[in-house]
Amino acid sequence: MINSSIKTGSWADLGKYSKSIRLAVFVEEQGVPRHLELDSQDELFLHVVIFNDDSTAIATARLAPNGKFGRMAVLKQYRQQGLGAELLKQITKLADSLGIEQLICHAQQSAVEFYKKNGFQIIGKPFQEAGITHIKMQKNLT
């Protein structure tokens, strides 16, 4: 993995970093409408942001108090370097510290194998979210 540092915190603390990554990945790259990507839930969730060694925000995810996480994104030029797995590790640690017993996500169809490799199981059938096929997945932490 590349040299990086990780910060966890509120939207007030990390929102500007998380927002820039999510706009680049979801809005610009994947065509998700901006109003669907940035929602009122951000202020209720905890956020994880990974920074590279020159302090550029390069990866992010968010975690809800109920164990649902999402908005997991890695900037294109930093993919395939273990950052997604590192985000999951941080989300899992965070969930553990909050007493959350189960992680749940709506995985994009293209990421299902990644989540399976990291201990997640498919629950339910594929569905459309923001014009992209997703599937609900979960992992028990207890």
N, C-alpha and C. Protein backbone atom coordinates (compact mmCIF):
# COMPACT_ATOMS: atom_id res chain seq x y z
N MET A 1 0.84 -1.20 0.00
CA MET A 1 0.00 0.00 0.00
C MET A 1 0.88 1.26 0.00
N ILE A 2 0.35 2.32 -0.55
CA ILE A 2 1.11 3.58 -0.60
C ILE A 2 1.22 4.19 0.80
N ASN A 3 2.15 5.11 0.96
CA ASN A 3 2.30 5.86 2.21
C ASN A 3 1.04 6.69 2.43
N SER A 4 0.41 6.53 3.57
CA SER A 4 -0.83 7.28 3.78
C SER A 4 -1.10 7.49 5.26
N SER A 5 -2.02 8.40 5.54
CA SER A 5 -2.51 8.59 6.91
C SER A 5 -4.03 8.54 6.85
N ILE A 6 -4.64 8.17 7.96
CA ILE A 6 -6.08 7.96 8.01
C ILE A 6 -6.68 8.83 9.11
N LYS A 7 -7.77 9.50 8.78
CA LYS A 7 -8.49 10.29 9.79
C LYS A 7 -9.94 9.83 9.82
N THR A 8 -10.48 9.82 11.03
CA THR A 8 -11.88 9.48 11.25
C THR A 8 -12.52 10.64 11.99
N GLY A 9 -13.74 11.00 11.58
CA GLY A 9 -14.40 12.09 12.28
C GLY A 9 -15.74 12.44 11.69
N SER A 10 -16.24 13.58 12.11
CA SER A 10 -17.56 14.04 11.69
C SER A 10 -17.49 14.69 10.31
N TRP A 11 -18.67 14.98 9.76
CA TRP A 11 -18.75 15.69 8.48
C TRP A 11 -18.13 17.08 8.63
N ALA A 12 -18.34 17.71 9.78
CA ALA A 12 -17.75 19.04 10.02
C ALA A 12 -16.23 18.98 9.92
N ASP A 13 -15.64 17.88 10.41
CA ASP A 13 -14.18 17.72 10.39
C ASP A 13 -13.66 17.31 9.01
N LEU A 14 -14.34 16.37 8.37
CA LEU A 14 -13.78 15.73 7.17
C LEU A 14 -14.61 15.91 5.90
N GLY A 15 -15.72 16.61 6.00
CA GLY A 15 -16.64 16.74 4.87
C GLY A 15 -16.02 17.29 3.61
N LYS A 16 -15.18 18.31 3.74
CA LYS A 16 -14.63 18.91 2.52
C LYS A 16 -13.74 17.93 1.77
N TYR A 17 -13.05 17.05 2.49
CA TYR A 17 -12.19 16.04 1.86
C TYR A 17 -13.03 14.93 1.24
N SER A 18 -13.97 14.43 2.03
CA SER A 18 -14.85 13.36 1.57
C SER A 18 -15.63 13.80 0.34
N LYS A 19 -16.15 15.01 0.39
CA LYS A 19 -16.96 15.56 -0.71
C LYS A 19 -16.16 15.61 -2.01
N SER A 20 -14.91 16.06 -1.96
CA SER A 20 -14.13 16.17 -3.19
C SER A 20 -13.90 14.81 -3.84
N ILE A 21 -13.65 13.79 -3.02
CA ILE A 21 -13.44 12.43 -3.55
C ILE A 21 -14.75 11.90 -4.14
N ARG A 22 -15.84 12.04 -3.42
CA ARG A 22 -17.13 11.51 -3.87
C ARG A 22 -17.63 12.20 -5.13
N LEU A 23 -17.42 13.51 -5.24
CA LEU A 23 -17.83 14.20 -6.47
C LEU A 23 -17.01 13.68 -7.66
N ALA A 24 -15.71 13.48 -7.45
CA ALA A 24 -14.86 12.98 -8.53
C ALA A 24 -15.27 11.57 -8.97
N VAL A 25 -15.49 10.68 -7.99
CA VAL A 25 -15.77 9.27 -8.31
C VAL A 25 -17.22 9.06 -8.72
N PHE A 26 -18.15 9.49 -7.88
CA PHE A 26 -19.55 9.15 -8.15
C PHE A 26 -20.22 10.08 -9.17
N VAL A 27 -20.00 11.38 -9.05
CA VAL A 27 -20.68 12.33 -9.93
C VAL A 27 -19.97 12.42 -11.28
N GLU A 28 -18.67 12.73 -11.27
CA GLU A 28 -17.96 12.91 -12.54
C GLU A 28 -17.73 11.58 -13.26
N GLU A 29 -17.21 10.58 -12.54
CA GLU A 29 -16.83 9.33 -13.18
C GLU A 29 -18.04 8.43 -13.48
N GLN A 30 -18.97 8.30 -12.52
CA GLN A 30 -20.06 7.34 -12.66
C GLN A 30 -21.39 7.98 -13.06
N GLY A 31 -21.46 9.29 -13.09
CA GLY A 31 -22.67 9.96 -13.54
C GLY A 31 -23.83 10.00 -12.55
N VAL A 32 -23.54 9.82 -11.27
CA VAL A 32 -24.58 9.92 -10.25
C VAL A 32 -24.95 11.40 -10.10
N PRO A 33 -26.26 11.73 -10.08
CA PRO A 33 -26.64 13.14 -9.89
C PRO A 33 -26.11 13.67 -8.55
N ARG A 34 -25.56 14.87 -8.59
CA ARG A 34 -24.96 15.50 -7.41
C ARG A 34 -25.93 15.51 -6.23
N HIS A 35 -27.21 15.81 -6.46
CA HIS A 35 -28.17 15.90 -5.35
C HIS A 35 -28.43 14.55 -4.70
N LEU A 36 -28.15 13.44 -5.41
CA LEU A 36 -28.29 12.12 -4.79
C LEU A 36 -27.03 11.75 -4.01
N GLU A 37 -25.90 12.23 -4.49
CA GLU A 37 -24.62 11.86 -3.87
C GLU A 37 -24.43 12.55 -2.52
N LEU A 38 -24.68 13.82 -2.46
CA LEU A 38 -24.50 14.57 -1.21
C LEU A 38 -25.87 14.72 -0.56
N ASP A 39 -26.06 14.05 0.56
CA ASP A 39 -27.38 14.05 1.20
C ASP A 39 -27.31 14.52 2.64
N SER A 40 -28.47 14.67 3.24
CA SER A 40 -28.54 15.17 4.62
C SER A 40 -28.01 14.16 5.63
N GLN A 41 -27.81 12.90 5.20
CA GLN A 41 -27.30 11.87 6.12
C GLN A 41 -25.83 12.10 6.51
N ASP A 42 -25.10 12.80 5.65
CA ASP A 42 -23.66 12.98 5.90
C ASP A 42 -23.38 13.53 7.29
N GLU A 43 -24.21 14.44 7.75
CA GLU A 43 -23.96 15.06 9.06
C GLU A 43 -24.22 14.12 10.22
N LEU A 44 -24.94 13.03 9.97
CA LEU A 44 -25.27 12.06 11.02
C LEU A 44 -24.26 10.92 11.10
N PHE A 45 -23.44 10.78 10.07
CA PHE A 45 -22.53 9.64 9.94
C PHE A 45 -21.12 10.02 10.37
N LEU A 46 -20.33 9.00 10.68
CA LEU A 46 -18.89 9.18 10.88
C LEU A 46 -18.22 8.92 9.54
N HIS A 47 -17.12 9.63 9.29
CA HIS A 47 -16.43 9.53 8.01
C HIS A 47 -14.99 9.10 8.22
N VAL A 48 -14.49 8.33 7.25
CA VAL A 48 -13.09 7.92 7.23
C VAL A 48 -12.50 8.49 5.95
N VAL A 49 -11.34 9.13 6.06
CA VAL A 49 -10.65 9.66 4.88
C VAL A 49 -9.19 9.22 4.95
N ILE A 50 -8.69 8.73 3.82
CA ILE A 50 -7.28 8.37 3.70
C ILE A 50 -6.59 9.47 2.89
N PHE A 51 -5.46 9.93 3.41
CA PHE A 51 -4.66 10.97 2.76
C PHE A 51 -3.34 10.36 2.28
N ASN A 52 -2.84 10.79 1.13
CA ASN A 52 -1.52 10.31 0.71
C ASN A 52 -0.43 11.11 1.41
N ASP A 53 0.82 10.84 1.07
CA ASP A 53 1.91 11.48 1.84
C ASP A 53 2.07 12.97 1.58
N ASP A 54 1.37 13.51 0.57
CA ASP A 54 1.39 14.98 0.44
C ASP A 54 0.07 15.61 0.91
N SER A 55 -0.65 14.87 1.76
CA SER A 55 -1.88 15.32 2.42
C SER A 55 -3.06 15.54 1.49
N THR A 56 -3.06 14.88 0.33
CA THR A 56 -4.21 14.91 -0.57
C THR A 56 -5.17 13.80 -0.15
N ALA A 57 -6.47 14.13 -0.03
CA ALA A 57 -7.49 13.13 0.30
C ALA A 57 -7.69 12.24 -0.92
N ILE A 58 -7.54 10.91 -0.74
CA ILE A 58 -7.58 9.99 -1.88
C ILE A 58 -8.61 8.87 -1.76
N ALA A 59 -9.18 8.67 -0.56
CA ALA A 59 -10.18 7.61 -0.38
C ALA A 59 -11.09 7.97 0.80
N THR A 60 -12.34 7.51 0.73
CA THR A 60 -13.28 7.85 1.80
C THR A 60 -14.39 6.81 1.92
N ALA A 61 -15.04 6.82 3.07
CA ALA A 61 -16.25 6.02 3.31
C ALA A 61 -16.97 6.64 4.50
N ARG A 62 -18.24 6.27 4.68
CA ARG A 62 -18.98 6.78 5.84
C ARG A 62 -19.71 5.63 6.53
N LEU A 63 -19.94 5.80 7.82
CA LEU A 63 -20.57 4.77 8.66
C LEU A 63 -21.72 5.38 9.45
N ALA A 64 -22.89 4.74 9.35
CA ALA A 64 -24.07 5.15 10.11
C ALA A 64 -24.06 4.48 11.48
N PRO A 65 -24.77 5.07 12.44
CA PRO A 65 -24.84 4.47 13.78
C PRO A 65 -25.44 3.05 13.78
N ASN A 66 -26.22 2.70 12.74
CA ASN A 66 -26.84 1.37 12.70
C ASN A 66 -25.97 0.33 12.01
N GLY A 67 -24.75 0.70 11.59
CA GLY A 67 -23.85 -0.25 10.96
C GLY A 67 -23.87 -0.24 9.44
N LYS A 68 -24.75 0.58 8.86
CA LYS A 68 -24.75 0.68 7.40
C LYS A 68 -23.63 1.62 7.01
N PHE A 69 -22.82 1.19 6.07
CA PHE A 69 -21.76 2.08 5.60
C PHE A 69 -21.87 2.19 4.09
N GLY A 70 -21.23 3.21 3.57
CA GLY A 70 -21.30 3.41 2.14
C GLY A 70 -20.49 4.60 1.70
N ARG A 71 -20.81 5.05 0.47
CA ARG A 71 -20.08 6.16 -0.15
C ARG A 71 -18.59 5.87 -0.12
N MET A 72 -18.26 4.58 -0.27
CA MET A 72 -16.87 4.17 -0.27
C MET A 72 -16.29 4.46 -1.64
N ALA A 73 -15.24 5.28 -1.68
CA ALA A 73 -14.68 5.70 -2.96
C ALA A 73 -13.17 5.90 -2.85
N VAL A 74 -12.48 5.48 -3.90
CA VAL A 74 -11.04 5.69 -4.02
C VAL A 74 -10.81 6.40 -5.35
N LEU A 75 -10.04 7.49 -5.33
CA LEU A 75 -9.74 8.19 -6.57
C LEU A 75 -9.10 7.24 -7.57
N LYS A 76 -9.48 7.40 -8.84
CA LYS A 76 -9.10 6.46 -9.91
C LYS A 76 -7.60 6.12 -9.91
N GLN A 77 -6.75 7.11 -9.80
CA GLN A 77 -5.30 6.86 -9.92
C GLN A 77 -4.72 6.13 -8.71
N TYR A 78 -5.52 5.92 -7.65
CA TYR A 78 -5.03 5.25 -6.44
C TYR A 78 -5.66 3.87 -6.25
N ARG A 79 -6.43 3.39 -7.21
CA ARG A 79 -7.08 2.08 -7.07
C ARG A 79 -6.07 0.94 -7.23
N GLN A 80 -6.48 -0.23 -6.80
CA GLN A 80 -5.66 -1.45 -6.89
C GLN A 80 -4.38 -1.34 -6.04
N GLN A 81 -4.46 -0.57 -4.95
CA GLN A 81 -3.30 -0.42 -4.07
C GLN A 81 -3.65 -0.76 -2.62
N GLY A 82 -4.78 -1.41 -2.40
CA GLY A 82 -5.15 -1.83 -1.05
C GLY A 82 -5.92 -0.81 -0.24
N LEU A 83 -6.28 0.32 -0.86
CA LEU A 83 -6.98 1.37 -0.10
C LEU A 83 -8.42 0.99 0.25
N GLY A 84 -9.09 0.28 -0.64
CA GLY A 84 -10.45 -0.18 -0.34
C GLY A 84 -10.45 -1.10 0.87
N ALA A 85 -9.52 -2.03 0.91
CA ALA A 85 -9.40 -2.94 2.05
C ALA A 85 -9.06 -2.18 3.32
N GLU A 86 -8.21 -1.16 3.19
CA GLU A 86 -7.86 -0.33 4.35
C GLU A 86 -9.08 0.44 4.85
N LEU A 87 -9.88 0.98 3.94
CA LEU A 87 -11.13 1.65 4.35
C LEU A 87 -12.03 0.69 5.12
N LEU A 88 -12.19 -0.53 4.60
CA LEU A 88 -13.03 -1.53 5.28
C LEU A 88 -12.49 -1.86 6.66
N LYS A 89 -11.17 -1.97 6.77
CA LYS A 89 -10.55 -2.25 8.07
C LYS A 89 -10.88 -1.13 9.06
N GLN A 90 -10.78 0.11 8.60
CA GLN A 90 -11.06 1.26 9.47
C GLN A 90 -12.55 1.32 9.85
N ILE A 91 -13.42 1.07 8.89
CA ILE A 91 -14.87 1.06 9.15
C ILE A 91 -15.19 -0.03 10.18
N THR A 92 -14.55 -1.19 10.03
CA THR A 92 -14.78 -2.30 10.96
C THR A 92 -14.31 -1.94 12.36
N LYS A 93 -13.12 -1.33 12.47
CA LYS A 93 -12.59 -0.90 13.78
C LYS A 93 -13.54 0.11 14.43
N LEU A 94 -13.99 1.05 13.62
CA LEU A 94 -14.89 2.09 14.10
C LEU A 94 -16.20 1.46 14.60
N ALA A 95 -16.75 0.56 13.81
CA ALA A 95 -18.00 -0.12 14.18
C ALA A 95 -17.81 -0.90 15.48
N ASP A 96 -16.70 -1.61 15.60
CA ASP A 96 -16.38 -2.36 16.82
C ASP A 96 -16.36 -1.43 18.03
N SER A 97 -15.71 -0.30 17.88
CA SER A 97 -15.57 0.64 19.00
C SER A 97 -16.92 1.22 19.42
N LEU A 98 -17.88 1.21 18.49
CA LEU A 98 -19.22 1.74 18.79
C LEU A 98 -20.20 0.64 19.21
N GLY A 99 -19.72 -0.60 19.30
CA GLY A 99 -20.57 -1.71 19.69
C GLY A 99 -21.52 -2.18 18.59
N ILE A 100 -21.23 -1.82 17.36
CA ILE A 100 -22.05 -2.26 16.22
C ILE A 100 -21.71 -3.72 15.93
N GLU A 101 -22.72 -4.57 15.79
CA GLU A 101 -22.48 -6.00 15.64
C GLU A 101 -22.49 -6.48 14.19
N GLN A 102 -22.98 -5.63 13.28
CA GLN A 102 -23.11 -6.07 11.90
C GLN A 102 -22.91 -4.88 10.96
N LEU A 103 -22.10 -5.08 9.93
CA LEU A 103 -21.95 -4.07 8.88
C LEU A 103 -22.85 -4.42 7.71
N ILE A 104 -23.47 -3.42 7.12
CA ILE A 104 -24.35 -3.61 5.97
C ILE A 104 -23.98 -2.57 4.93
N CYS A 105 -23.97 -2.99 3.66
CA CYS A 105 -23.73 -2.02 2.59
C CYS A 105 -24.56 -2.37 1.37
N HIS A 106 -24.74 -1.38 0.52
CA HIS A 106 -25.31 -1.58 -0.80
C HIS A 106 -24.12 -1.54 -1.76
N ALA A 107 -23.61 -2.70 -2.11
CA ALA A 107 -22.42 -2.79 -2.95
C ALA A 107 -22.77 -2.64 -4.41
N GLN A 108 -21.99 -1.85 -5.14
CA GLN A 108 -22.15 -1.84 -6.59
C GLN A 108 -21.83 -3.24 -7.09
N GLN A 109 -22.58 -3.69 -8.09
CA GLN A 109 -22.40 -5.04 -8.64
C GLN A 109 -20.92 -5.32 -8.94
N SER A 110 -20.21 -4.33 -9.46
CA SER A 110 -18.81 -4.51 -9.84
C SER A 110 -17.89 -4.74 -8.63
N ALA A 111 -18.38 -4.44 -7.42
CA ALA A 111 -17.55 -4.57 -6.21
C ALA A 111 -17.92 -5.78 -5.35
N VAL A 112 -18.88 -6.58 -5.79
CA VAL A 112 -19.37 -7.70 -4.98
C VAL A 112 -18.23 -8.66 -4.61
N GLU A 113 -17.36 -9.01 -5.56
CA GLU A 113 -16.27 -9.95 -5.26
C GLU A 113 -15.30 -9.37 -4.22
N PHE A 114 -15.05 -8.08 -4.30
CA PHE A 114 -14.20 -7.41 -3.30
C PHE A 114 -14.80 -7.59 -1.90
N TYR A 115 -16.09 -7.34 -1.76
CA TYR A 115 -16.72 -7.48 -0.45
C TYR A 115 -16.74 -8.93 0.02
N LYS A 116 -16.99 -9.86 -0.90
CA LYS A 116 -16.97 -11.29 -0.53
C LYS A 116 -15.60 -11.68 0.02
N LYS A 117 -14.54 -11.22 -0.65
CA LYS A 117 -13.17 -11.51 -0.19
C LYS A 117 -12.92 -10.96 1.20
N ASN A 118 -13.68 -9.93 1.58
CA ASN A 118 -13.52 -9.30 2.88
C ASN A 118 -14.57 -9.73 3.89
N GLY A 119 -15.18 -10.89 3.64
CA GLY A 119 -16.07 -11.51 4.63
C GLY A 119 -17.53 -11.13 4.56
N PHE A 120 -17.96 -10.44 3.52
CA PHE A 120 -19.36 -10.06 3.38
C PHE A 120 -20.14 -11.13 2.62
N GLN A 121 -21.43 -11.21 2.93
CA GLN A 121 -22.33 -12.13 2.24
C GLN A 121 -23.45 -11.34 1.58
N ILE A 122 -23.89 -11.85 0.44
CA ILE A 122 -25.01 -11.22 -0.27
C ILE A 122 -26.31 -11.53 0.47
N ILE A 123 -27.14 -10.53 0.65
CA ILE A 123 -28.49 -10.74 1.18
C ILE A 123 -29.46 -10.02 0.24
N GLY A 124 -30.34 -10.76 -0.35
CA GLY A 124 -31.31 -10.14 -1.24
C GLY A 124 -30.89 -10.17 -2.70
N LYS A 125 -31.68 -9.51 -3.50
CA LYS A 125 -31.53 -9.50 -4.96
C LYS A 125 -30.94 -8.16 -5.42
N PRO A 126 -30.32 -8.15 -6.61
CA PRO A 126 -29.81 -6.89 -7.15
C PRO A 126 -30.93 -5.85 -7.32
N PHE A 127 -30.58 -4.59 -7.17
CA PHE A 127 -31.55 -3.50 -7.33
C PHE A 127 -30.82 -2.28 -7.90
N GLN A 128 -31.58 -1.32 -8.36
CA GLN A 128 -31.02 -0.10 -8.94
C GLN A 128 -30.98 1.00 -7.87
N GLU A 129 -29.86 1.69 -7.81
CA GLU A 129 -29.71 2.84 -6.93
C GLU A 129 -28.90 3.86 -7.71
N ALA A 130 -29.44 5.04 -7.91
CA ALA A 130 -28.78 6.10 -8.68
C ALA A 130 -28.38 5.61 -10.07
N GLY A 131 -29.20 4.72 -10.65
CA GLY A 131 -28.96 4.24 -12.00
C GLY A 131 -27.86 3.18 -12.10
N ILE A 132 -27.41 2.65 -10.97
CA ILE A 132 -26.34 1.65 -10.94
C ILE A 132 -26.85 0.41 -10.20
N THR A 133 -26.54 -0.78 -10.73
CA THR A 133 -26.96 -2.02 -10.06
C THR A 133 -26.16 -2.22 -8.78
N HIS A 134 -26.89 -2.44 -7.69
CA HIS A 134 -26.31 -2.69 -6.37
C HIS A 134 -26.87 -3.99 -5.81
N ILE A 135 -26.23 -4.49 -4.78
CA ILE A 135 -26.75 -5.64 -4.03
C ILE A 135 -26.43 -5.43 -2.55
N LYS A 136 -27.39 -5.76 -1.72
CA LYS A 136 -27.21 -5.59 -0.28
C LYS A 136 -26.30 -6.70 0.24
N MET A 137 -25.32 -6.31 1.06
CA MET A 137 -24.39 -7.28 1.63
C MET A 137 -24.21 -7.00 3.11
N GLN A 138 -23.84 -8.04 3.86
CA GLN A 138 -23.63 -7.85 5.30
C GLN A 138 -22.47 -8.71 5.80
N LYS A 139 -21.95 -8.27 6.94
CA LYS A 139 -20.88 -9.00 7.61
C LYS A 139 -21.13 -8.89 9.11
N ASN A 140 -21.15 -10.05 9.78
CA ASN A 140 -21.30 -10.04 11.24
C ASN A 140 -19.94 -9.79 11.88
N LEU A 141 -19.94 -8.94 12.89
CA LEU A 141 -18.68 -8.59 13.56
C LEU A 141 -18.51 -9.31 14.87
N THR A 142 -19.54 -9.99 15.35
CA THR A 142 -19.44 -10.64 16.67
C THR A 142 -18.91 -12.05 16.55
